[in-house]
Amino acid sequence: MFRLIALALTSTFLLLAFFGTSSEQAPAGHPIRVMGVMGTLGPKAEGAEPAVPGNRYVSRHHQPLKAAPDPAAHVLHILPYGARVELIGAGEGSFVLVRDPAVGEAGFIPADSLSDRFPG
């Protein structure tokens, strides 16, 4: 009986080591996103969009598009995970100025919540 429990625990810990335990969102290509052996040996995504200068993707869930480069600024709307935005220019501090092509609205978003490639 103890051998069965030991085998179950060992296999559980091995799976956690291979696939990870973090639920934190990180940009695609970030070292955190590499999932052990399966992530490095798996096939590359086919048909993935190439990086286009000016295009960025939201790499965190529910990111606010703000009216000004200030954490306390008015929220214009919420950008979902994976949304494509057009980089217009640098903002102030940690914010960048982007345009949401889905609605044509421009605003500011934290630079660390954007990725050059589609996340996932």
PDB file of N, CA and C in Angstrom:
ATOM      1  N   MET A   1       0.819  -1.182   0.000  1.00  0.00           N
ATOM      2  CA  MET A   1       0.000   0.000   0.000  1.00  0.00           C
ATOM      3  C   MET A   1       0.872   1.259   0.000  1.00  0.00           C
ATOM      4  N   PHE A   2       1.951   1.227   0.833  1.00  0.00           N
ATOM      5  CA  PHE A   2       2.837   2.386   0.905  1.00  0.00           C
ATOM      6  C   PHE A   2       3.573   2.609  -0.404  1.00  0.00           C
ATOM      7  N   ARG A   3       3.895   1.540  -1.105  1.00  0.00           N
ATOM      8  CA  ARG A   3       4.559   1.667  -2.404  1.00  0.00           C
ATOM      9  C   ARG A   3       3.647   2.342  -3.415  1.00  0.00           C
ATOM     10  N   LEU A   4       2.375   2.033  -3.382  1.00  0.00           N
ATOM     11  CA  LEU A   4       1.409   2.646  -4.290  1.00  0.00           C
ATOM     12  C   LEU A   4       1.285   4.144  -4.018  1.00  0.00           C
ATOM     13  N   ILE A   5       1.236   4.512  -2.750  1.00  0.00           N
ATOM     14  CA  ILE A   5       1.161   5.932  -2.381  1.00  0.00           C
ATOM     15  C   ILE A   5       2.445   6.652  -2.794  1.00  0.00           C
ATOM     16  N   ALA A   6       3.580   6.031  -2.559  1.00  0.00           N
ATOM     17  CA  ALA A   6       4.857   6.631  -2.938  1.00  0.00           C
ATOM     18  C   ALA A   6       4.946   6.809  -4.453  1.00  0.00           C
ATOM     19  N   LEU A   7       4.483   5.839  -5.211  1.00  0.00           N
ATOM     20  CA  LEU A   7       4.489   5.927  -6.670  1.00  0.00           C
ATOM     21  C   LEU A   7       3.576   7.056  -7.155  1.00  0.00           C
ATOM     22  N   ALA A   8       2.397   7.178  -6.540  1.00  0.00           N
ATOM     23  CA  ALA A   8       1.460   8.240  -6.923  1.00  0.00           C
ATOM     24  C   ALA A   8       2.042   9.618  -6.623  1.00  0.00           C
ATOM     25  N   LEU A   9       2.651   9.776  -5.459  1.00  0.00           N
ATOM     26  CA  LEU A   9       3.242  11.066  -5.109  1.00  0.00           C
ATOM     27  C   LEU A   9       4.424  11.411  -6.003  1.00  0.00           C
ATOM     28  N   THR A  10       5.256  10.423  -6.285  1.00  0.00           N
ATOM     29  CA  THR A  10       6.410  10.649  -7.155  1.00  0.00           C
ATOM     30  C   THR A  10       5.973  11.065  -8.553  1.00  0.00           C
ATOM     31  N   SER A  11       4.991  10.388  -9.098  1.00  0.00           N
ATOM     32  CA  SER A  11       4.530  10.742 -10.439  1.00  0.00           C
ATOM     33  C   SER A  11       3.882  12.118 -10.460  1.00  0.00           C
ATOM     34  N   THR A  12       3.181  12.478  -9.388  1.00  0.00           N
ATOM     35  CA  THR A  12       2.579  13.812  -9.305  1.00  0.00           C
ATOM     36  C   THR A  12       3.659  14.887  -9.300  1.00  0.00           C
ATOM     37  N   PHE A  13       4.690  14.704  -8.498  1.00  0.00           N
ATOM     38  CA  PHE A  13       5.760  15.689  -8.445  1.00  0.00           C
ATOM     39  C   PHE A  13       6.535  15.763  -9.756  1.00  0.00           C
ATOM     40  N   LEU A  14       6.708  14.655 -10.443  1.00  0.00           N
ATOM     41  CA  LEU A  14       7.372  14.682 -11.746  1.00  0.00           C
ATOM     42  C   LEU A  14       6.543  15.459 -12.759  1.00  0.00           C
ATOM     43  N   LEU A  15       5.227  15.257 -12.759  1.00  0.00           N
ATOM     44  CA  LEU A  15       4.367  16.016 -13.675  1.00  0.00           C
ATOM     45  C   LEU A  15       4.418  17.506 -13.369  1.00  0.00           C
ATOM     46  N   LEU A  16       4.431  17.866 -12.092  1.00  0.00           N
ATOM     47  CA  LEU A  16       4.541  19.274 -11.728  1.00  0.00           C
ATOM     48  C   LEU A  16       5.878  19.851 -12.166  1.00  0.00           C
ATOM     49  N   ALA A  17       6.939  19.062 -12.094  1.00  0.00           N
ATOM     50  CA  ALA A  17       8.250  19.540 -12.530  1.00  0.00           C
ATOM     51  C   ALA A  17       8.285  19.764 -14.036  1.00  0.00           C
ATOM     52  N   PHE A  18       7.628  18.887 -14.799  1.00  0.00           N
ATOM     53  CA  PHE A  18       7.618  19.030 -16.255  1.00  0.00           C
ATOM     54  C   PHE A  18       6.714  20.157 -16.725  1.00  0.00           C
ATOM     55  N   PHE A  19       5.541  20.284 -16.153  1.00  0.00           N
ATOM     56  CA  PHE A  19       4.556  21.237 -16.651  1.00  0.00           C
ATOM     57  C   PHE A  19       4.488  22.522 -15.851  1.00  0.00           C
ATOM     58  N   GLY A  20       5.034  22.565 -14.669  1.00  0.00           N
ATOM     59  CA  GLY A  20       5.033  23.781 -13.864  1.00  0.00           C
ATOM     60  C   GLY A  20       3.747  23.954 -13.084  1.00  0.00           C
ATOM     61  N   THR A  21       3.761  24.955 -12.217  1.00  0.00           N
ATOM     62  CA  THR A  21       2.615  25.204 -11.364  1.00  0.00           C
ATOM     63  C   THR A  21       2.146  26.648 -11.429  1.00  0.00           C
ATOM     64  N   SER A  22       2.845  27.519 -12.152  1.00  0.00           N
ATOM     65  CA  SER A  22       2.522  28.937 -12.142  1.00  0.00           C
ATOM     66  C   SER A  22       1.277  29.225 -12.969  1.00  0.00           C
ATOM     67  N   SER A  23       0.348  29.986 -12.375  1.00  0.00           N
ATOM     68  CA  SER A  23      -0.814  30.436 -13.126  1.00  0.00           C
ATOM     69  C   SER A  23      -0.663  31.905 -13.489  1.00  0.00           C
ATOM     70  N   GLU A  24       0.496  32.494 -13.160  1.00  0.00           N
ATOM     71  CA  GLU A  24       0.745  33.893 -13.462  1.00  0.00           C
ATOM     72  C   GLU A  24       0.930  34.064 -14.968  1.00  0.00           C
ATOM     73  N   GLN A  25       0.331  35.102 -15.517  1.00  0.00           N
ATOM     74  CA  GLN A  25       0.449  35.360 -16.948  1.00  0.00           C
ATOM     75  C   GLN A  25       1.787  36.014 -17.244  1.00  0.00           C
ATOM     76  N   ALA A  26       2.505  35.494 -18.210  1.00  0.00           N
ATOM     77  CA  ALA A  26       3.782  36.048 -18.624  1.00  0.00           C
ATOM     78  C   ALA A  26       3.775  36.162 -20.142  1.00  0.00           C
ATOM     79  N   PRO A  27       4.534  37.097 -20.693  1.00  0.00           N
ATOM     80  CA  PRO A  27       4.562  37.250 -22.142  1.00  0.00           C
ATOM     81  C   PRO A  27       5.049  35.981 -22.831  1.00  0.00           C
ATOM     82  N   ALA A  28       4.535  35.747 -24.038  1.00  0.00           N
ATOM     83  CA  ALA A  28       4.976  34.589 -24.815  1.00  0.00           C
ATOM     84  C   ALA A  28       6.472  34.696 -25.058  1.00  0.00           C
ATOM     85  N   GLY A  29       7.173  33.603 -24.992  1.00  0.00           N
ATOM     86  CA  GLY A  29       8.601  33.581 -25.199  1.00  0.00           C
ATOM     87  C   GLY A  29       9.386  33.873 -23.928  1.00  0.00           C
ATOM     88  N   HIS A  30       8.707  34.279 -22.875  1.00  0.00           N
ATOM     89  CA  HIS A  30       9.363  34.542 -21.605  1.00  0.00           C
ATOM     90  C   HIS A  30       9.780  33.204 -20.998  1.00  0.00           C
ATOM     91  N   PRO A  31      10.923  33.133 -20.316  1.00  0.00           N
ATOM     92  CA  PRO A  31      11.387  31.851 -19.769  1.00  0.00           C
ATOM     93  C   PRO A  31      10.372  31.166 -18.865  1.00  0.00           C
ATOM     94  N   ILE A  32       9.504  31.936 -18.214  1.00  0.00           N
ATOM     95  CA  ILE A  32       8.502  31.318 -17.353  1.00  0.00           C
ATOM     96  C   ILE A  32       7.547  30.468 -18.183  1.00  0.00           C
ATOM     97  N   ARG A  33       7.286  30.863 -19.436  1.00  0.00           N
ATOM     98  CA  ARG A  33       6.305  30.177 -20.267  1.00  0.00           C
ATOM     99  C   ARG A  33       6.807  28.827 -20.773  1.00  0.00           C
ATOM    100  N   VAL A  34       8.118  28.581 -20.735  1.00  0.00           N
ATOM    101  CA  VAL A  34       8.643  27.301 -21.191  1.00  0.00           C
ATOM    102  C   VAL A  34       8.216  26.245 -20.194  1.00  0.00           C
ATOM    103  N   MET A  35       7.555  25.207 -20.679  1.00  0.00           N
ATOM    104  CA  MET A  35       6.974  24.212 -19.782  1.00  0.00           C
ATOM    105  C   MET A  35       7.788  22.927 -19.796  1.00  0.00           C
ATOM    106  N   GLY A  36       8.928  22.956 -19.169  1.00  0.00           N
ATOM    107  CA  GLY A  36       9.727  21.750 -19.035  1.00  0.00           C
ATOM    108  C   GLY A  36      10.055  21.099 -20.364  1.00  0.00           C
ATOM    109  N   VAL A  37      10.136  19.776 -20.371  1.00  0.00           N
ATOM    110  CA  VAL A  37      10.505  19.013 -21.554  1.00  0.00           C
ATOM    111  C   VAL A  37       9.445  19.141 -22.636  1.00  0.00           C
ATOM    112  N   MET A  38       8.170  19.118 -22.255  1.00  0.00           N
ATOM    113  CA  MET A  38       7.098  19.150 -23.246  1.00  0.00           C
ATOM    114  C   MET A  38       7.111  20.464 -24.033  1.00  0.00           C
ATOM    115  N   GLY A  39       7.420  21.577 -23.371  1.00  0.00           N
ATOM    116  CA  GLY A  39       7.440  22.854 -24.058  1.00  0.00           C
ATOM    117  C   GLY A  39       8.619  22.994 -25.004  1.00  0.00           C
ATOM    118  N   THR A  40       9.751  22.368 -24.702  1.00  0.00           N
ATOM    119  CA  THR A  40      10.927  22.525 -25.539  1.00  0.00           C
ATOM    120  C   THR A  40      10.974  21.520 -26.677  1.00  0.00           C
ATOM    121  N   LEU A  41      10.327  20.371 -26.518  1.00  0.00           N
ATOM    122  CA  LEU A  41      10.384  19.356 -27.555  1.00  0.00           C
ATOM    123  C   LEU A  41       9.148  19.333 -28.454  1.00  0.00           C
ATOM    124  N   GLY A  42       8.112  20.019 -28.072  1.00  0.00           N
ATOM    125  CA  GLY A  42       6.866  20.004 -28.838  1.00  0.00           C
ATOM    126  C   GLY A  42       7.023  20.701 -30.178  1.00  0.00           C
ATOM    127  N   PRO A  43       6.077  20.440 -31.099  1.00  0.00           N
ATOM    128  CA  PRO A  43       6.147  21.084 -32.408  1.00  0.00           C
ATOM    129  C   PRO A  43       5.873  22.577 -32.287  1.00  0.00           C
ATOM    130  N   LYS A  44       6.455  23.339 -33.193  1.00  0.00           N
ATOM    131  CA  LYS A  44       6.227  24.775 -33.223  1.00  0.00           C
ATOM    132  C   LYS A  44       4.840  25.049 -33.790  1.00  0.00           C
ATOM    133  N   ALA A  45       4.242  26.150 -33.366  1.00  0.00           N
ATOM    134  CA  ALA A  45       2.900  26.500 -33.832  1.00  0.00           C
ATOM    135  C   ALA A  45       2.918  26.798 -35.324  1.00  0.00           C
ATOM    136  N   GLU A  46       2.040  26.136 -36.057  1.00  0.00           N
ATOM    137  CA  GLU A  46       1.943  26.371 -37.492  1.00  0.00           C
ATOM    138  C   GLU A  46       0.949  27.475 -37.748  1.00  0.00           C
ATOM    139  N   GLY A  47       1.228  28.301 -38.750  1.00  0.00           N
ATOM    140  CA  GLY A  47       0.307  29.359 -39.115  1.00  0.00           C
ATOM    141  C   GLY A  47       0.306  30.516 -38.138  1.00  0.00           C
ATOM    142  N   ALA A  48       1.301  30.590 -37.260  1.00  0.00           N
ATOM    143  CA  ALA A  48       1.367  31.697 -36.314  1.00  0.00           C
ATOM    144  C   ALA A  48       1.678  32.977 -37.065  1.00  0.00           C
ATOM    145  N   GLU A  49       1.049  34.056 -36.633  1.00  0.00           N
ATOM    146  CA  GLU A  49       1.260  35.334 -37.294  1.00  0.00           C
ATOM    147  C   GLU A  49       2.700  35.785 -37.097  1.00  0.00           C
ATOM    148  N   PRO A  50       3.363  36.254 -38.164  1.00  0.00           N
ATOM    149  CA  PRO A  50       4.706  36.784 -37.988  1.00  0.00           C
ATOM    150  C   PRO A  50       4.645  38.125 -37.262  1.00  0.00           C
ATOM    151  N   ALA A  51       5.722  38.484 -36.619  1.00  0.00           N
ATOM    152  CA  ALA A  51       5.759  39.760 -35.921  1.00  0.00           C
ATOM    153  C   ALA A  51       5.749  40.891 -36.938  1.00  0.00           C
ATOM    154  N   VAL A  52       4.843  41.826 -36.777  1.00  0.00           N
ATOM    155  CA  VAL A  52       4.732  42.979 -37.650  1.00  0.00           C
ATOM    156  C   VAL A  52       5.135  44.202 -36.849  1.00  0.00           C
ATOM    157  N   PRO A  53       6.049  45.031 -37.369  1.00  0.00           N
ATOM    158  CA  PRO A  53       6.429  46.225 -36.620  1.00  0.00           C
ATOM    159  C   PRO A  53       5.198  47.070 -36.309  1.00  0.00           C
ATOM    160  N   GLY A  54       5.077  47.475 -35.080  1.00  0.00           N
ATOM    161  CA  GLY A  54       3.931  48.285 -34.672  1.00  0.00           C
ATOM    162  C   GLY A  54       2.813  47.474 -34.049  1.00  0.00           C
ATOM    163  N   ASN A  55       2.696  46.194 -34.406  1.00  0.00           N
ATOM    164  CA  ASN A  55       1.669  45.348 -33.797  1.00  0.00           C
ATOM    165  C   ASN A  55       2.190  44.762 -32.493  1.00  0.00           C
ATOM    166  N   ARG A  56       1.350  44.795 -31.475  1.00  0.00           N
ATOM    167  CA  ARG A  56       1.653  44.163 -30.203  1.00  0.00           C
ATOM    168  C   ARG A  56       0.416  43.409 -29.756  1.00  0.00           C
ATOM    169  N   TYR A  57       0.594  42.497 -28.828  1.00  0.00           N
ATOM    170  CA  TYR A  57      -0.503  41.678 -28.324  1.00  0.00           C
ATOM    171  C   TYR A  57      -0.554  41.780 -26.806  1.00  0.00           C
ATOM    172  N   VAL A  58      -1.744  41.831 -26.270  1.00  0.00           N
ATOM    173  CA  VAL A  58      -1.931  41.903 -24.827  1.00  0.00           C
ATOM    174  C   VAL A  58      -1.598  40.535 -24.246  1.00  0.00           C
ATOM    175  N   SER A  59      -0.617  40.496 -23.356  1.00  0.00           N
ATOM    176  CA  SER A  59      -0.144  39.214 -22.828  1.00  0.00           C
ATOM    177  C   SER A  59      -0.594  38.961 -21.389  1.00  0.00           C
ATOM    178  N   ARG A  60      -1.506  39.777 -20.885  1.00  0.00           N
ATOM    179  CA  ARG A  60      -2.095  39.569 -19.561  1.00  0.00           C
ATOM    180  C   ARG A  60      -3.601  39.741 -19.668  1.00  0.00           C
ATOM    181  N   HIS A  61      -4.306  39.076 -18.795  1.00  0.00           N
ATOM    182  CA  HIS A  61      -5.765  39.129 -18.821  1.00  0.00           C
ATOM    183  C   HIS A  61      -6.284  40.485 -18.327  1.00  0.00           C
ATOM    184  N   HIS A  62      -7.318  40.985 -18.988  1.00  0.00           N
ATOM    185  CA  HIS A  62      -8.087  42.157 -18.563  1.00  0.00           C
ATOM    186  C   HIS A  62      -7.213  43.374 -18.288  1.00  0.00           C
ATOM    187  N   GLN A  63      -6.554  43.858 -19.328  1.00  0.00           N
ATOM    188  CA  GLN A  63      -5.705  45.036 -19.177  1.00  0.00           C
ATOM    189  C   GLN A  63      -6.484  46.293 -19.538  1.00  0.00           C
ATOM    190  N   PRO A  64      -6.457  47.307 -18.676  1.00  0.00           N
ATOM    191  CA  PRO A  64      -7.194  48.537 -18.948  1.00  0.00           C
ATOM    192  C   PRO A  64      -6.466  49.430 -19.955  1.00  0.00           C
ATOM    193  N   LEU A  65      -7.205  49.924 -20.934  1.00  0.00           N
ATOM    194  CA  LEU A  65      -6.705  50.948 -21.849  1.00  0.00           C
ATOM    195  C   LEU A  65      -7.073  52.273 -21.196  1.00  0.00           C
ATOM    196  N   LYS A  66      -6.070  53.060 -20.816  1.00  0.00           N
ATOM    197  CA  LYS A  66      -6.299  54.260 -20.008  1.00  0.00           C
ATOM    198  C   LYS A  66      -6.209  55.529 -20.845  1.00  0.00           C
ATOM    199  N   ALA A  67      -6.867  56.567 -20.366  1.00  0.00           N
ATOM    200  CA  ALA A  67      -6.901  57.850 -21.057  1.00  0.00           C
ATOM    201  C   ALA A  67      -5.587  58.616 -20.905  1.00  0.00           C
ATOM    202  N   ALA A  68      -4.798  58.322 -19.882  1.00  0.00           N
ATOM    203  CA  ALA A  68      -3.534  59.006 -19.631  1.00  0.00           C
ATOM    204  C   ALA A  68      -2.523  57.997 -19.092  1.00  0.00           C
ATOM    205  N   PRO A  69      -1.227  58.314 -19.211  1.00  0.00           N
ATOM    206  CA  PRO A  69      -0.200  57.384 -18.709  1.00  0.00           C
ATOM    207  C   PRO A  69      -0.037  57.481 -17.194  1.00  0.00           C
ATOM    208  N   ASP A  70      -1.103  57.150 -16.493  1.00  0.00           N
ATOM    209  CA  ASP A  70      -1.122  57.251 -15.042  1.00  0.00           C
ATOM    210  C   ASP A  70      -1.958  56.087 -14.504  1.00  0.00           C
ATOM    211  N   PRO A  71      -1.471  55.370 -13.482  1.00  0.00           N
ATOM    212  CA  PRO A  71      -2.249  54.253 -12.942  1.00  0.00           C
ATOM    213  C   PRO A  71      -3.640  54.647 -12.453  1.00  0.00           C
ATOM    214  N   ALA A  72      -3.823  55.908 -12.054  1.00  0.00           N
ATOM    215  CA  ALA A  72      -5.119  56.363 -11.552  1.00  0.00           C
ATOM    216  C   ALA A  72      -5.994  56.982 -12.648  1.00  0.00           C
ATOM    217  N   ALA A  73      -5.557  56.952 -13.898  1.00  0.00           N
ATOM    218  CA  ALA A  73      -6.298  57.581 -14.996  1.00  0.00           C
ATOM    219  C   ALA A  73      -7.585  56.825 -15.306  1.00  0.00           C
ATOM    220  N   HIS A  74      -8.490  57.523 -15.981  1.00  0.00           N
ATOM    221  CA  HIS A  74      -9.777  56.957 -16.397  1.00  0.00           C
ATOM    222  C   HIS A  74      -9.548  55.780 -17.352  1.00  0.00           C
ATOM    223  N   VAL A  75     -10.308  54.702 -17.162  1.00  0.00           N
ATOM    224  CA  VAL A  75     -10.215  53.518 -18.016  1.00  0.00           C
ATOM    225  C   VAL A  75     -11.178  53.689 -19.196  1.00  0.00           C
ATOM    226  N   LEU A  76     -10.628  53.655 -20.412  1.00  0.00           N
ATOM    227  CA  LEU A  76     -11.463  53.776 -21.618  1.00  0.00           C
ATOM    228  C   LEU A  76     -12.226  52.491 -21.873  1.00  0.00           C
ATOM    229  N   HIS A  77     -11.528  51.372 -21.869  1.00  0.00           N
ATOM    230  CA  HIS A  77     -12.133  50.042 -21.918  1.00  0.00           C
ATOM    231  C   HIS A  77     -11.087  48.991 -21.574  1.00  0.00           C
ATOM    232  N   ILE A  78     -11.532  47.765 -21.424  1.00  0.00           N
ATOM    233  CA  ILE A  78     -10.660  46.663 -21.022  1.00  0.00           C
ATOM    234  C   ILE A  78     -10.249  45.872 -22.262  1.00  0.00           C
ATOM    235  N   LEU A  79      -8.951  45.619 -22.369  1.00  0.00           N
ATOM    236  CA  LEU A  79      -8.424  44.810 -23.477  1.00  0.00           C
ATOM    237  C   LEU A  79      -8.297  43.364 -23.010  1.00  0.00           C
ATOM    238  N   PRO A  80      -8.851  42.417 -23.768  1.00  0.00           N
ATOM    239  CA  PRO A  80      -8.753  41.009 -23.373  1.00  0.00           C
ATOM    240  C   PRO A  80      -7.378  40.419 -23.698  1.00  0.00           C
ATOM    241  N   TYR A  81      -7.089  39.306 -23.086  1.00  0.00           N
ATOM    242  CA  TYR A  81      -5.845  38.567 -23.336  1.00  0.00           C
ATOM    243  C   TYR A  81      -5.760  38.205 -24.823  1.00  0.00           C
ATOM    244  N   GLY A  82      -4.630  38.509 -25.455  1.00  0.00           N
ATOM    245  CA  GLY A  82      -4.410  38.172 -26.855  1.00  0.00           C
ATOM    246  C   GLY A  82      -4.886  39.224 -27.840  1.00  0.00           C
ATOM    247  N   ALA A  83      -5.486  40.318 -27.369  1.00  0.00           N
ATOM    248  CA  ALA A  83      -5.975  41.362 -28.270  1.00  0.00           C
ATOM    249  C   ALA A  83      -4.804  42.020 -28.989  1.00  0.00           C
ATOM    250  N   ARG A  84      -4.993  42.313 -30.285  1.00  0.00           N
ATOM    251  CA  ARG A  84      -3.956  42.984 -31.077  1.00  0.00           C
ATOM    252  C   ARG A  84      -4.141  44.485 -30.934  1.00  0.00           C
ATOM    253  N   VAL A  85      -3.040  45.185 -30.691  1.00  0.00           N
ATOM    254  CA  VAL A  85      -3.049  46.639 -30.623  1.00  0.00           C
ATOM    255  C   VAL A  85      -1.923  47.168 -31.503  1.00  0.00           C
ATOM    256  N   GLU A  86      -2.056  48.411 -31.950  1.00  0.00           N
ATOM    257  CA  GLU A  86      -1.031  49.054 -32.765  1.00  0.00           C
ATOM    258  C   GLU A  86      -0.241  50.010 -31.883  1.00  0.00           C
ATOM    259  N   LEU A  87       1.059  49.835 -31.867  1.00  0.00           N
ATOM    260  CA  LEU A  87       1.924  50.691 -31.070  1.00  0.00           C
ATOM    261  C   LEU A  87       2.054  52.030 -31.782  1.00  0.00           C
ATOM    262  N   ILE A  88       1.668  53.111 -31.105  1.00  0.00           N
ATOM    263  CA  ILE A  88       1.740  54.450 -31.691  1.00  0.00           C
ATOM    264  C   ILE A  88       3.009  55.156 -31.250  1.00  0.00           C
ATOM    265  N   GLY A  89       3.328  55.063 -29.979  1.00  0.00           N
ATOM    266  CA  GLY A  89       4.529  55.722 -29.480  1.00  0.00           C
ATOM    267  C   GLY A  89       4.750  55.438 -28.016  1.00  0.00           C
ATOM    268  N   ALA A  90       5.857  55.964 -27.528  1.00  0.00           N
ATOM    269  CA  ALA A  90       6.188  55.787 -26.118  1.00  0.00           C
ATOM    270  C   ALA A  90       5.375  56.762 -25.287  1.00  0.00           C
ATOM    271  N   GLY A  91       4.927  56.287 -24.169  1.00  0.00           N
ATOM    272  CA  GLY A  91       4.206  57.152 -23.238  1.00  0.00           C
ATOM    273  C   GLY A  91       5.172  57.681 -22.203  1.00  0.00           C
ATOM    274  N   GLU A  92       4.670  57.910 -21.033  1.00  0.00           N
ATOM    275  CA  GLU A  92       5.508  58.366 -19.939  1.00  0.00           C
ATOM    276  C   GLU A  92       5.663  57.239 -18.933  1.00  0.00           C
ATOM    277  N   GLY A  93       6.850  57.102 -18.388  1.00  0.00           N
ATOM    278  CA  GLY A  93       7.092  56.070 -17.384  1.00  0.00           C
ATOM    279  C   GLY A  93       6.997  54.684 -17.993  1.00  0.00           C
ATOM    280  N   SER A  94       6.182  53.838 -17.398  1.00  0.00           N
ATOM    281  CA  SER A  94       6.074  52.452 -17.850  1.00  0.00           C
ATOM    282  C   SER A  94       4.917  52.245 -18.828  1.00  0.00           C
ATOM    283  N   PHE A  95       4.294  53.301 -19.314  1.00  0.00           N
ATOM    284  CA  PHE A  95       3.164  53.194 -20.226  1.00  0.00           C
ATOM    285  C   PHE A  95       3.583  53.474 -21.671  1.00  0.00           C
ATOM    286  N   VAL A  96       2.869  52.851 -22.610  1.00  0.00           N
ATOM    287  CA  VAL A  96       3.048  53.128 -24.034  1.00  0.00           C
ATOM    288  C   VAL A  96       1.692  53.516 -24.623  1.00  0.00           C
ATOM    289  N   LEU A  97       1.738  54.305 -25.687  1.00  0.00           N
ATOM    290  CA  LEU A  97       0.530  54.745 -26.371  1.00  0.00           C
ATOM    291  C   LEU A  97       0.203  53.741 -27.475  1.00  0.00           C
ATOM    292  N   VAL A  98      -1.010  53.189 -27.448  1.00  0.00           N
ATOM    293  CA  VAL A  98      -1.437  52.198 -28.434  1.00  0.00           C
ATOM    294  C   VAL A  98      -2.829  52.552 -28.961  1.00  0.00           C
ATOM    295  N   ARG A  99      -3.179  51.955 -30.097  1.00  0.00           N
ATOM    296  CA  ARG A  99      -4.523  52.092 -30.649  1.00  0.00           C
ATOM    297  C   ARG A  99      -5.128  50.699 -30.751  1.00  0.00           C
ATOM    298  N   ASP A 100      -6.361  50.578 -30.293  1.00  0.00           N
ATOM    299  CA  ASP A 100      -7.104  49.318 -30.410  1.00  0.00           C
ATOM    300  C   ASP A 100      -7.806  49.334 -31.757  1.00  0.00           C
ATOM    301  N   PRO A 101      -7.342  48.538 -32.736  1.00  0.00           N
ATOM    302  CA  PRO A 101      -7.953  48.582 -34.066  1.00  0.00           C
ATOM    303  C   PRO A 101      -9.391  48.067 -34.095  1.00  0.00           C
ATOM    304  N   ALA A 102      -9.792  47.318 -33.084  1.00  0.00           N
ATOM    305  CA  ALA A 102     -11.156  46.794 -33.045  1.00  0.00           C
ATOM    306  C   ALA A 102     -12.174  47.916 -32.884  1.00  0.00           C
ATOM    307  N   VAL A 103     -11.813  48.948 -32.131  1.00  0.00           N
ATOM    308  CA  VAL A 103     -12.736  50.065 -31.901  1.00  0.00           C
ATOM    309  C   VAL A 103     -12.159  51.398 -32.366  1.00  0.00           C
ATOM    310  N   GLY A 104     -10.891  51.419 -32.778  1.00  0.00           N
ATOM    311  CA  GLY A 104     -10.260  52.633 -33.265  1.00  0.00           C
ATOM    312  C   GLY A 104      -9.922  53.632 -32.175  1.00  0.00           C
ATOM    313  N   GLU A 105      -9.859  53.189 -30.939  1.00  0.00           N
ATOM    314  CA  GLU A 105      -9.609  54.077 -29.811  1.00  0.00           C
ATOM    315  C   GLU A 105      -8.140  53.996 -29.387  1.00  0.00           C
ATOM    316  N   ALA A 106      -7.540  55.146 -29.097  1.00  0.00           N
ATOM    317  CA  ALA A 106      -6.152  55.196 -28.646  1.00  0.00           C
ATOM    318  C   ALA A 106      -6.115  55.448 -27.151  1.00  0.00           C
ATOM    319  N   GLY A 107      -5.108  54.864 -26.513  1.00  0.00           N
ATOM    320  CA  GLY A 107      -4.948  55.057 -25.078  1.00  0.00           C
ATOM    321  C   GLY A 107      -3.625  54.489 -24.614  1.00  0.00           C
ATOM    322  N   PHE A 108      -3.439  54.471 -23.326  1.00  0.00           N
ATOM    323  CA  PHE A 108      -2.186  54.039 -22.727  1.00  0.00           C
ATOM    324  C   PHE A 108      -2.367  52.701 -22.009  1.00  0.00           C
ATOM    325  N   ILE A 109      -1.320  51.876 -22.091  1.00  0.00           N
ATOM    326  CA  ILE A 109      -1.326  50.565 -21.457  1.00  0.00           C
ATOM    327  C   ILE A 109       0.082  50.313 -20.913  1.00  0.00           C
ATOM    328  N   PRO A 110       0.209  49.606 -19.783  1.00  0.00           N
ATOM    329  CA  PRO A 110       1.553  49.306 -19.274  1.00  0.00           C
ATOM    330  C   PRO A 110       2.370  48.509 -20.296  1.00  0.00           C
ATOM    331  N   ALA A 111       3.601  48.926 -20.508  1.00  0.00           N
ATOM    332  CA  ALA A 111       4.461  48.288 -21.513  1.00  0.00           C
ATOM    333  C   ALA A 111       4.725  46.822 -21.201  1.00  0.00           C
ATOM    334  N   ASP A 112       4.773  46.456 -19.921  1.00  0.00           N
ATOM    335  CA  ASP A 112       5.076  45.073 -19.561  1.00  0.00           C
ATOM    336  C   ASP A 112       3.900  44.122 -19.782  1.00  0.00           C
ATOM    337  N   SER A 113       2.751  44.638 -20.202  1.00  0.00           N
ATOM    338  CA  SER A 113       1.604  43.771 -20.489  1.00  0.00           C
ATOM    339  C   SER A 113       1.432  43.536 -21.980  1.00  0.00           C
ATOM    340  N   LEU A 114       2.459  43.876 -22.778  1.00  0.00           N
ATOM    341  CA  LEU A 114       2.413  43.675 -24.225  1.00  0.00           C
ATOM    342  C   LEU A 114       3.511  42.713 -24.660  1.00  0.00           C
ATOM    343  N   SER A 115       3.253  42.027 -25.767  1.00  0.00           N
ATOM    344  CA  SER A 115       4.197  41.072 -26.333  1.00  0.00           C
ATOM    345  C   SER A 115       4.311  41.323 -27.833  1.00  0.00           C
ATOM    346  N   ASP A 116       5.478  41.014 -28.413  1.00  0.00           N
ATOM    347  CA  ASP A 116       5.678  41.164 -29.857  1.00  0.00           C
ATOM    348  C   ASP A 116       4.932  40.108 -30.660  1.00  0.00           C
ATOM    349  N   ARG A 117       4.717  38.957 -30.073  1.00  0.00           N
ATOM    350  CA  ARG A 117       4.037  37.838 -30.749  1.00  0.00           C
ATOM    351  C   ARG A 117       2.777  37.475 -30.008  1.00  0.00           C
ATOM    352  N   PHE A 118       1.871  36.824 -30.710  1.00  0.00           N
ATOM    353  CA  PHE A 118       0.624  36.400 -30.095  1.00  0.00           C
ATOM    354  C   PHE A 118       0.923  35.466 -28.938  1.00  0.00           C
ATOM    355  N   PRO A 119       0.411  35.768 -27.742  1.00  0.00           N
ATOM    356  CA  PRO A 119       0.707  34.908 -26.589  1.00  0.00           C
ATOM    357  C   PRO A 119      -0.006  33.575 -26.699  1.00  0.00           C
ATOM    358  N   GLY A 120       0.631  32.575 -26.207  1.00  0.00           N
ATOM    359  CA  GLY A 120      -0.023  31.271 -26.188  1.00  0.00           C
ATOM    360  C   GLY A 120       0.785  30.271 -26.817  1.00  0.00           C
TER     361      GLY A 120
END
